[in-house]
């Protein structure tokens, strides 16, 4: 029996608002049946991405963001704030709802949808494991968090993997939550958050991580990733979402 093919997109933009607009356009079109199940890799250059339900003023140090030129943008999924630079790799999986058996337990959903990333990290020689509710850890330290939604006829999941991110900037632009970023010092961050580079003890390129992550996703789901491009419909929808939502201050900071 031939393997099912999913579309693979390695598509990113300099504008973080446009990146998040594309992030929403893809699952909408997957759910409509206009495009196949899709995996996307992408990065932001210097941004804090906050969850849909959270207040920016409780998650973000705006003065630190101004000092470092960091953009603040809101995603359409839940979860906490994450710092993203070119040393952070985002992966997003959009699957038509009927193509995936959805367990009732939320933690089990995250475990299934994080399995490709876990496999990919293990292929790099890392002791990666899923930790409920939605994290991936290496020897007890967080290297990736995830969020998602089930809507528009699509099961959507995305995560941010710290490959070689600047933890110094991260520690300054994110506000402490439950003591996890206590005093916003790098030494506090270091106890709970890590990067692939630091766990390997050597430099590693994002492209190397992409390669292993792709193979991990293919192995976890028994599928084959085929290079693709955004359709014209997706581009038009992304532009509409950019203009009406993601580029607007009331969306990003208004909650």
C-alpha atoms as a PDB file:
ATOM      1  CA  UNK A   1       0.000   0.000   0.000  1.00  0.00           C
ATOM      2  CA  UNK A   2       1.565   3.331  -1.051  1.00  0.00           C
ATOM      3  CA  UNK A   3       2.356   5.899   1.601  1.00  0.00           C
ATOM      4  CA  UNK A   4       0.027   8.860   1.942  1.00  0.00           C
ATOM      5  CA  UNK A   5       1.609  12.109   0.802  1.00  0.00           C
ATOM      6  CA  UNK A   6       1.389  15.327   2.784  1.00  0.00           C
ATOM      7  CA  UNK A   7       2.435  18.719   1.498  1.00  0.00           C
ATOM      8  CA  UNK A   8       5.603  20.198   2.970  1.00  0.00           C
ATOM      9  CA  UNK A   9       6.086  23.973   3.073  1.00  0.00           C
ATOM     10  CA  UNK A  10       9.295  25.711   4.107  1.00  0.00           C
ATOM     11  CA  UNK A  11       7.763  29.173   3.940  1.00  0.00           C
ATOM     12  CA  UNK A  12       8.616  32.171   6.111  1.00  0.00           C
ATOM     13  CA  UNK A  13       8.506  35.954   5.832  1.00  0.00           C
ATOM     14  CA  UNK A  14      10.433  38.812   7.386  1.00  0.00           C
ATOM     15  CA  UNK A  15       7.162  40.203   8.751  1.00  0.00           C
ATOM     16  CA  UNK A  16       5.967  38.280  11.859  1.00  0.00           C
ATOM     17  CA  UNK A  17       2.402  39.492  11.308  1.00  0.00           C
ATOM     18  CA  UNK A  18       2.369  37.901   7.867  1.00  0.00           C
ATOM     19  CA  UNK A  19       3.892  34.708   9.240  1.00  0.00           C
ATOM     20  CA  UNK A  20       0.983  34.384  11.673  1.00  0.00           C
ATOM     21  CA  UNK A  21      -1.553  35.225   8.970  1.00  0.00           C
ATOM     22  CA  UNK A  22      -0.202  32.385   6.827  1.00  0.00           C
ATOM     23  CA  UNK A  23      -0.292  30.150   9.914  1.00  0.00           C
ATOM     24  CA  UNK A  24      -4.081  30.601  10.018  1.00  0.00           C
ATOM     25  CA  UNK A  25      -4.723  30.545   6.275  1.00  0.00           C
ATOM     26  CA  UNK A  26      -3.265  27.057   5.804  1.00  0.00           C
ATOM     27  CA  UNK A  27      -5.511  25.104   8.229  1.00  0.00           C
ATOM     28  CA  UNK A  28      -8.553  26.949   6.942  1.00  0.00           C
ATOM     29  CA  UNK A  29      -7.855  25.758   3.393  1.00  0.00           C
ATOM     30  CA  UNK A  30      -6.924  22.246   4.569  1.00  0.00           C
ATOM     31  CA  UNK A  31     -10.311  22.006   6.285  1.00  0.00           C
ATOM     32  CA  UNK A  32     -12.072  23.133   3.114  1.00  0.00           C
ATOM     33  CA  UNK A  33     -10.364  20.326   1.211  1.00  0.00           C
ATOM     34  CA  UNK A  34      -8.672  22.864  -1.084  1.00  0.00           C
ATOM     35  CA  UNK A  35      -5.165  21.664  -0.149  1.00  0.00           C
ATOM     36  CA  UNK A  36      -3.735  18.426   1.290  1.00  0.00           C
ATOM     37  CA  UNK A  37      -2.658  17.798   4.870  1.00  0.00           C
ATOM     38  CA  UNK A  38       0.286  20.123   5.373  1.00  0.00           C
ATOM     39  CA  UNK A  39       3.445  20.497   7.432  1.00  0.00           C
ATOM     40  CA  UNK A  40       5.040  23.934   7.500  1.00  0.00           C
ATOM     41  CA  UNK A  41       8.441  25.021   8.857  1.00  0.00           C
ATOM     42  CA  UNK A  42       9.094  28.700   9.465  1.00  0.00           C
ATOM     43  CA  UNK A  43      10.854  31.245  11.690  1.00  0.00           C
ATOM     44  CA  UNK A  44      10.412  34.764  13.010  1.00  0.00           C
ATOM     45  CA  UNK A  45      13.480  36.985  13.226  1.00  0.00           C
ATOM     46  CA  UNK A  46      12.741  38.694  16.569  1.00  0.00           C
ATOM     47  CA  UNK A  47       9.250  38.431  18.035  1.00  0.00           C
ATOM     48  CA  UNK A  48       7.200  37.503  21.071  1.00  0.00           C
ATOM     49  CA  UNK A  49       4.168  35.440  20.089  1.00  0.00           C
ATOM     50  CA  UNK A  50       1.386  35.405  22.678  1.00  0.00           C
ATOM     51  CA  UNK A  51      -1.548  33.023  22.993  1.00  0.00           C
ATOM     52  CA  UNK A  52      -5.085  33.943  22.011  1.00  0.00           C
ATOM     53  CA  UNK A  53      -6.505  34.057  25.540  1.00  0.00           C
ATOM     54  CA  UNK A  54      -3.668  35.885  27.299  1.00  0.00           C
ATOM     55  CA  UNK A  55      -3.142  39.533  28.129  1.00  0.00           C
ATOM     56  CA  UNK A  56      -0.039  40.994  26.522  1.00  0.00           C
ATOM     57  CA  UNK A  57       0.701  43.225  29.514  1.00  0.00           C
ATOM     58  CA  UNK A  58       0.913  40.177  31.777  1.00  0.00           C
ATOM     59  CA  UNK A  59       3.182  38.236  29.413  1.00  0.00           C
ATOM     60  CA  UNK A  60       5.472  40.806  27.824  1.00  0.00           C
ATOM     61  CA  UNK A  61       7.963  43.395  29.079  1.00  0.00           C
ATOM     62  CA  UNK A  62       7.230  46.140  26.558  1.00  0.00           C
ATOM     63  CA  UNK A  63      10.212  48.290  27.506  1.00  0.00           C
ATOM     64  CA  UNK A  64      12.545  45.348  26.948  1.00  0.00           C
ATOM     65  CA  UNK A  65      10.848  44.718  23.604  1.00  0.00           C
ATOM     66  CA  UNK A  66      11.407  48.324  22.573  1.00  0.00           C
ATOM     67  CA  UNK A  67      15.051  48.091  23.604  1.00  0.00           C
ATOM     68  CA  UNK A  68      15.632  44.932  21.577  1.00  0.00           C
ATOM     69  CA  UNK A  69      13.363  45.810  18.621  1.00  0.00           C
ATOM     70  CA  UNK A  70      11.143  42.809  19.373  1.00  0.00           C
ATOM     71  CA  UNK A  71       7.701  42.656  17.740  1.00  0.00           C
ATOM     72  CA  UNK A  72       4.686  41.418  19.723  1.00  0.00           C
ATOM     73  CA  UNK A  73       2.087  39.426  17.796  1.00  0.00           C
ATOM     74  CA  UNK A  74      -0.870  37.278  18.864  1.00  0.00           C
ATOM     75  CA  UNK A  75      -1.586  33.826  17.427  1.00  0.00           C
ATOM     76  CA  UNK A  76      -5.043  32.261  17.040  1.00  0.00           C
ATOM     77  CA  UNK A  77      -4.245  29.317  19.350  1.00  0.00           C
ATOM     78  CA  UNK A  78      -4.003  29.264  23.130  1.00  0.00           C
ATOM     79  CA  UNK A  79      -1.021  28.773  25.418  1.00  0.00           C
ATOM     80  CA  UNK A  80       1.588  31.107  26.813  1.00  0.00           C
ATOM     81  CA  UNK A  81       4.002  33.566  25.264  1.00  0.00           C
ATOM     82  CA  UNK A  82       7.112  32.386  23.415  1.00  0.00           C
ATOM     83  CA  UNK A  83      10.151  34.266  22.173  1.00  0.00           C
ATOM     84  CA  UNK A  84      11.164  33.567  18.580  1.00  0.00           C
ATOM     85  CA  UNK A  85      14.312  34.436  16.666  1.00  0.00           C
ATOM     86  CA  UNK A  86      16.144  32.769  13.787  1.00  0.00           C
ATOM     87  CA  UNK A  87      17.454  30.200  16.263  1.00  0.00           C
ATOM     88  CA  UNK A  88      13.898  29.038  16.904  1.00  0.00           C
ATOM     89  CA  UNK A  89      12.190  26.662  14.470  1.00  0.00           C
ATOM     90  CA  UNK A  90       8.405  26.650  14.246  1.00  0.00           C
ATOM     91  CA  UNK A  91       6.628  23.622  12.873  1.00  0.00           C
ATOM     92  CA  UNK A  92       2.909  23.478  12.089  1.00  0.00           C
ATOM     93  CA  UNK A  93       0.770  20.468  11.197  1.00  0.00           C
ATOM     94  CA  UNK A  94      -2.661  20.825   9.569  1.00  0.00           C
ATOM     95  CA  UNK A  95      -4.682  17.603   9.197  1.00  0.00           C
ATOM     96  CA  UNK A  96      -8.219  17.270   7.921  1.00  0.00           C
ATOM     97  CA  UNK A  97     -10.336  16.303  10.891  1.00  0.00           C
ATOM     98  CA  UNK A  98     -11.611  13.066   9.363  1.00  0.00           C
ATOM     99  CA  UNK A  99      -8.046  11.904   8.664  1.00  0.00           C
ATOM    100  CA  UNK A 100      -7.075  11.627  12.332  1.00  0.00           C
ATOM    101  CA  UNK A 101      -8.664   9.678  15.166  1.00  0.00           C
ATOM    102  CA  UNK A 102      -9.015  12.267  17.923  1.00  0.00           C
ATOM    103  CA  UNK A 103      -8.780  10.990  21.508  1.00  0.00           C
ATOM    104  CA  UNK A 104     -10.944  12.648  24.150  1.00  0.00           C
ATOM    105  CA  UNK A 105      -8.040  13.398  26.465  1.00  0.00           C
ATOM    106  CA  UNK A 106      -6.354  16.719  25.592  1.00  0.00           C
ATOM    107  CA  UNK A 107      -2.947  15.575  26.801  1.00  0.00           C
ATOM    108  CA  UNK A 108      -3.152  12.511  24.559  1.00  0.00           C
ATOM    109  CA  UNK A 109      -3.930  14.745  21.568  1.00  0.00           C
ATOM    110  CA  UNK A 110      -0.809  16.815  22.234  1.00  0.00           C
ATOM    111  CA  UNK A 111       1.248  13.649  22.695  1.00  0.00           C
ATOM    112  CA  UNK A 112       0.165  12.254  19.320  1.00  0.00           C
ATOM    113  CA  UNK A 113       0.719  15.534  17.505  1.00  0.00           C
ATOM    114  CA  UNK A 114       4.112  16.112  19.182  1.00  0.00           C
ATOM    115  CA  UNK A 115       5.347  12.613  18.335  1.00  0.00           C
ATOM    116  CA  UNK A 116       6.962  13.671  15.052  1.00  0.00           C
ATOM    117  CA  UNK A 117       9.014  16.368  16.763  1.00  0.00           C
ATOM    118  CA  UNK A 118      10.035  13.951  19.523  1.00  0.00           C
ATOM    119  CA  UNK A 119      11.164  11.415  16.917  1.00  0.00           C
ATOM    120  CA  UNK A 120      13.140  14.061  15.046  1.00  0.00           C
ATOM    121  CA  UNK A 121      14.940  15.231  18.181  1.00  0.00           C
ATOM    122  CA  UNK A 122      15.806  11.656  19.083  1.00  0.00           C
ATOM    123  CA  UNK A 123      17.312  11.244  15.614  1.00  0.00           C
ATOM    124  CA  UNK A 124      19.689  14.036  16.609  1.00  0.00           C
ATOM    125  CA  UNK A 125      20.826  11.903  19.532  1.00  0.00           C
ATOM    126  CA  UNK A 126      18.840  13.801  22.159  1.00  0.00           C
ATOM    127  CA  UNK A 127      16.950  12.251  25.066  1.00  0.00           C
ATOM    128  CA  UNK A 128      13.692  13.934  24.069  1.00  0.00           C
ATOM    129  CA  UNK A 129      10.360  13.047  25.621  1.00  0.00           C
ATOM    130  CA  UNK A 130       6.854  14.453  25.679  1.00  0.00           C
ATOM    131  CA  UNK A 131       5.717  15.990  28.962  1.00  0.00           C
ATOM    132  CA  UNK A 132       2.033  16.800  29.536  1.00  0.00           C
ATOM    133  CA  UNK A 133       0.322  19.010  28.872  1.00  0.00           C
ATOM    134  CA  UNK A 134       2.128  20.269  25.789  1.00  0.00           C
ATOM    135  CA  UNK A 135       5.906  20.360  26.205  1.00  0.00           C
ATOM    136  CA  UNK A 136       8.910  18.452  24.916  1.00  0.00           C
ATOM    137  CA  UNK A 137      11.795  18.135  27.342  1.00  0.00           C
ATOM    138  CA  UNK A 138      15.385  16.976  27.178  1.00  0.00           C
ATOM    139  CA  UNK A 139      16.583  15.588  30.493  1.00  0.00           C
ATOM    140  CA  UNK A 140      13.976  17.622  32.350  1.00  0.00           C
ATOM    141  CA  UNK A 141      14.477  20.934  30.552  1.00  0.00           C
ATOM    142  CA  UNK A 142      11.986  22.381  28.093  1.00  0.00           C
ATOM    143  CA  UNK A 143      13.106  22.637  24.475  1.00  0.00           C
ATOM    144  CA  UNK A 144       9.679  23.020  22.846  1.00  0.00           C
ATOM    145  CA  UNK A 145       6.125  24.005  23.680  1.00  0.00           C
ATOM    146  CA  UNK A 146       3.044  23.479  21.570  1.00  0.00           C
ATOM    147  CA  UNK A 147      -0.473  24.778  21.025  1.00  0.00           C
ATOM    148  CA  UNK A 148      -3.313  23.901  18.705  1.00  0.00           C
ATOM    149  CA  UNK A 149      -6.967  23.946  17.831  1.00  0.00           C
ATOM    150  CA  UNK A 150      -9.687  21.806  16.313  1.00  0.00           C
ATOM    151  CA  UNK A 151     -11.749  24.065  14.082  1.00  0.00           C
ATOM    152  CA  UNK A 152     -12.528  24.813  10.438  1.00  0.00           C
ATOM    153  CA  UNK A 153     -12.670  21.046   9.858  1.00  0.00           C
ATOM    154  CA  UNK A 154      -8.959  20.804  10.701  1.00  0.00           C
ATOM    155  CA  UNK A 155      -6.851  19.417  13.538  1.00  0.00           C
ATOM    156  CA  UNK A 156      -4.101  22.013  13.853  1.00  0.00           C
ATOM    157  CA  UNK A 157      -0.934  21.753  15.936  1.00  0.00           C
ATOM    158  CA  UNK A 158       2.130  23.970  16.077  1.00  0.00           C
ATOM    159  CA  UNK A 159       5.242  24.063  18.212  1.00  0.00           C
ATOM    160  CA  UNK A 160       8.351  26.180  18.693  1.00  0.00           C
ATOM    161  CA  UNK A 161      11.687  24.356  19.008  1.00  0.00           C
ATOM    162  CA  UNK A 162      14.635  26.166  20.571  1.00  0.00           C
ATOM    163  CA  UNK A 163      17.548  25.304  18.307  1.00  0.00           C
ATOM    164  CA  UNK A 164      20.002  28.057  19.217  1.00  0.00           C
ATOM    165  CA  UNK A 165      17.806  30.932  20.397  1.00  0.00           C
ATOM    166  CA  UNK A 166      19.206  33.877  22.334  1.00  0.00           C
ATOM    167  CA  UNK A 167      18.112  33.050  25.883  1.00  0.00           C
ATOM    168  CA  UNK A 168      19.414  36.396  27.059  1.00  0.00           C
ATOM    169  CA  UNK A 169      16.820  38.286  24.993  1.00  0.00           C
ATOM    170  CA  UNK A 170      14.180  35.663  25.863  1.00  0.00           C
ATOM    171  CA  UNK A 171      14.770  36.220  29.575  1.00  0.00           C
ATOM    172  CA  UNK A 172      14.264  39.969  29.229  1.00  0.00           C
ATOM    173  CA  UNK A 173      11.188  40.238  26.995  1.00  0.00           C
ATOM    174  CA  UNK A 174       9.032  37.636  28.782  1.00  0.00           C
ATOM    175  CA  UNK A 175       7.504  38.433  32.159  1.00  0.00           C
ATOM    176  CA  UNK A 176       7.806  35.936  35.006  1.00  0.00           C
ATOM    177  CA  UNK A 177       4.935  33.458  35.275  1.00  0.00           C
ATOM    178  CA  UNK A 178       4.568  31.178  38.290  1.00  0.00           C
ATOM    179  CA  UNK A 179       8.216  31.838  39.095  1.00  0.00           C
ATOM    180  CA  UNK A 180       9.474  30.154  35.933  1.00  0.00           C
ATOM    181  CA  UNK A 181      11.284  33.288  34.722  1.00  0.00           C
ATOM    182  CA  UNK A 182      12.039  34.556  38.219  1.00  0.00           C
ATOM    183  CA  UNK A 183      13.847  37.914  38.137  1.00  0.00           C
ATOM    184  CA  UNK A 184      14.129  37.472  34.359  1.00  0.00           C
ATOM    185  CA  UNK A 185      17.797  36.424  34.689  1.00  0.00           C
ATOM    186  CA  UNK A 186      19.434  34.009  32.298  1.00  0.00           C
ATOM    187  CA  UNK A 187      20.488  31.822  35.234  1.00  0.00           C
ATOM    188  CA  UNK A 188      16.814  31.312  36.100  1.00  0.00           C
ATOM    189  CA  UNK A 189      15.909  30.529  32.497  1.00  0.00           C
ATOM    190  CA  UNK A 190      18.729  28.035  32.248  1.00  0.00           C
ATOM    191  CA  UNK A 191      17.199  25.813  34.926  1.00  0.00           C
ATOM    192  CA  UNK A 192      13.974  25.247  33.002  1.00  0.00           C
ATOM    193  CA  UNK A 193      14.659  25.994  29.329  1.00  0.00           C
ATOM    194  CA  UNK A 194      17.350  24.693  27.009  1.00  0.00           C
ATOM    195  CA  UNK A 195      18.343  24.682  23.350  1.00  0.00           C
ATOM    196  CA  UNK A 196      19.350  21.873  21.009  1.00  0.00           C
ATOM    197  CA  UNK A 197      22.758  23.512  20.588  1.00  0.00           C
ATOM    198  CA  UNK A 198      23.415  23.493  24.322  1.00  0.00           C
ATOM    199  CA  UNK A 199      22.206  19.930  24.785  1.00  0.00           C
ATOM    200  CA  UNK A 200      24.456  18.707  21.973  1.00  0.00           C
ATOM    201  CA  UNK A 201      27.349  20.844  23.192  1.00  0.00           C
ATOM    202  CA  UNK A 202      28.071  22.057  19.659  1.00  0.00           C
ATOM    203  CA  UNK A 203      26.740  24.338  16.977  1.00  0.00           C
ATOM    204  CA  UNK A 204      23.946  22.956  14.831  1.00  0.00           C
ATOM    205  CA  UNK A 205      22.171  24.581  11.912  1.00  0.00           C
ATOM    206  CA  UNK A 206      18.427  25.001  11.659  1.00  0.00           C
ATOM    207  CA  UNK A 207      18.605  23.133   8.343  1.00  0.00           C
ATOM    208  CA  UNK A 208      20.002  20.063  10.125  1.00  0.00           C
ATOM    209  CA  UNK A 209      17.111  20.180  12.577  1.00  0.00           C
ATOM    210  CA  UNK A 210      14.615  20.584   9.727  1.00  0.00           C
ATOM    211  CA  UNK A 211      15.984  17.461   8.054  1.00  0.00           C
ATOM    212  CA  UNK A 212      15.625  15.305  11.169  1.00  0.00           C
ATOM    213  CA  UNK A 213      12.263  16.808  12.075  1.00  0.00           C
ATOM    214  CA  UNK A 214      10.928  15.997   8.605  1.00  0.00           C
ATOM    215  CA  UNK A 215      12.067  12.397   8.938  1.00  0.00           C
ATOM    216  CA  UNK A 216      10.593  12.205  12.433  1.00  0.00           C
ATOM    217  CA  UNK A 217       7.200  13.410  11.204  1.00  0.00           C
ATOM    218  CA  UNK A 218       7.247  10.938   8.316  1.00  0.00           C
ATOM    219  CA  UNK A 219       8.090   8.091  10.696  1.00  0.00           C
ATOM    220  CA  UNK A 220       5.543   9.077  13.344  1.00  0.00           C
ATOM    221  CA  UNK A 221       2.623   9.318  10.911  1.00  0.00           C
ATOM    222  CA  UNK A 222       3.684   6.788   8.281  1.00  0.00           C
ATOM    223  CA  UNK A 223       3.494   9.406   5.543  1.00  0.00           C
ATOM    224  CA  UNK A 224       5.735  11.004   2.940  1.00  0.00           C
ATOM    225  CA  UNK A 225       6.343  14.745   2.816  1.00  0.00           C
ATOM    226  CA  UNK A 226       6.319  16.265  -0.668  1.00  0.00           C
ATOM    227  CA  UNK A 227       7.634  19.773  -1.306  1.00  0.00           C
ATOM    228  CA  UNK A 228       4.881  22.197  -2.192  1.00  0.00           C
ATOM    229  CA  UNK A 229       3.980  25.885  -2.388  1.00  0.00           C
ATOM    230  CA  UNK A 230       1.202  28.066  -1.070  1.00  0.00           C
ATOM    231  CA  UNK A 231      -1.759  28.218  -3.394  1.00  0.00           C
ATOM    232  CA  UNK A 232      -3.100  31.506  -4.702  1.00  0.00           C
ATOM    233  CA  UNK A 233      -6.158  31.050  -2.477  1.00  0.00           C
ATOM    234  CA  UNK A 234      -3.966  30.661   0.589  1.00  0.00           C
ATOM    235  CA  UNK A 235      -1.932  33.723  -0.324  1.00  0.00           C
ATOM    236  CA  UNK A 236      -5.073  35.821  -0.801  1.00  0.00           C
ATOM    237  CA  UNK A 237      -6.571  34.620   2.484  1.00  0.00           C
ATOM    238  CA  UNK A 238      -3.300  35.287   4.311  1.00  0.00           C
ATOM    239  CA  UNK A 239      -3.221  38.827   2.924  1.00  0.00           C
ATOM    240  CA  UNK A 240      -6.819  39.355   4.029  1.00  0.00           C
ATOM    241  CA  UNK A 241      -6.051  38.047   7.531  1.00  0.00           C
ATOM    242  CA  UNK A 242      -2.936  40.200   7.656  1.00  0.00           C
ATOM    243  CA  UNK A 243      -4.866  43.357   6.798  1.00  0.00           C
ATOM    244  CA  UNK A 244      -7.954  42.690   8.936  1.00  0.00           C
ATOM    245  CA  UNK A 245      -6.357  41.031  11.982  1.00  0.00           C
ATOM    246  CA  UNK A 246      -2.676  40.332  12.429  1.00  0.00           C
ATOM    247  CA  UNK A 247      -1.275  43.747  11.520  1.00  0.00           C
ATOM    248  CA  UNK A 248      -3.699  45.525  13.852  1.00  0.00           C
ATOM    249  CA  UNK A 249      -2.834  46.668  17.356  1.00  0.00           C
ATOM    250  CA  UNK A 250      -6.300  45.824  18.675  1.00  0.00           C
ATOM    251  CA  UNK A 251      -5.738  42.157  17.784  1.00  0.00           C
ATOM    252  CA  UNK A 252      -2.190  41.899  19.070  1.00  0.00           C
ATOM    253  CA  UNK A 253      -2.448  43.995  22.230  1.00  0.00           C
ATOM    254  CA  UNK A 254      -6.150  44.583  22.790  1.00  0.00           C
ATOM    255  CA  UNK A 255      -7.113  41.669  25.041  1.00  0.00           C
END
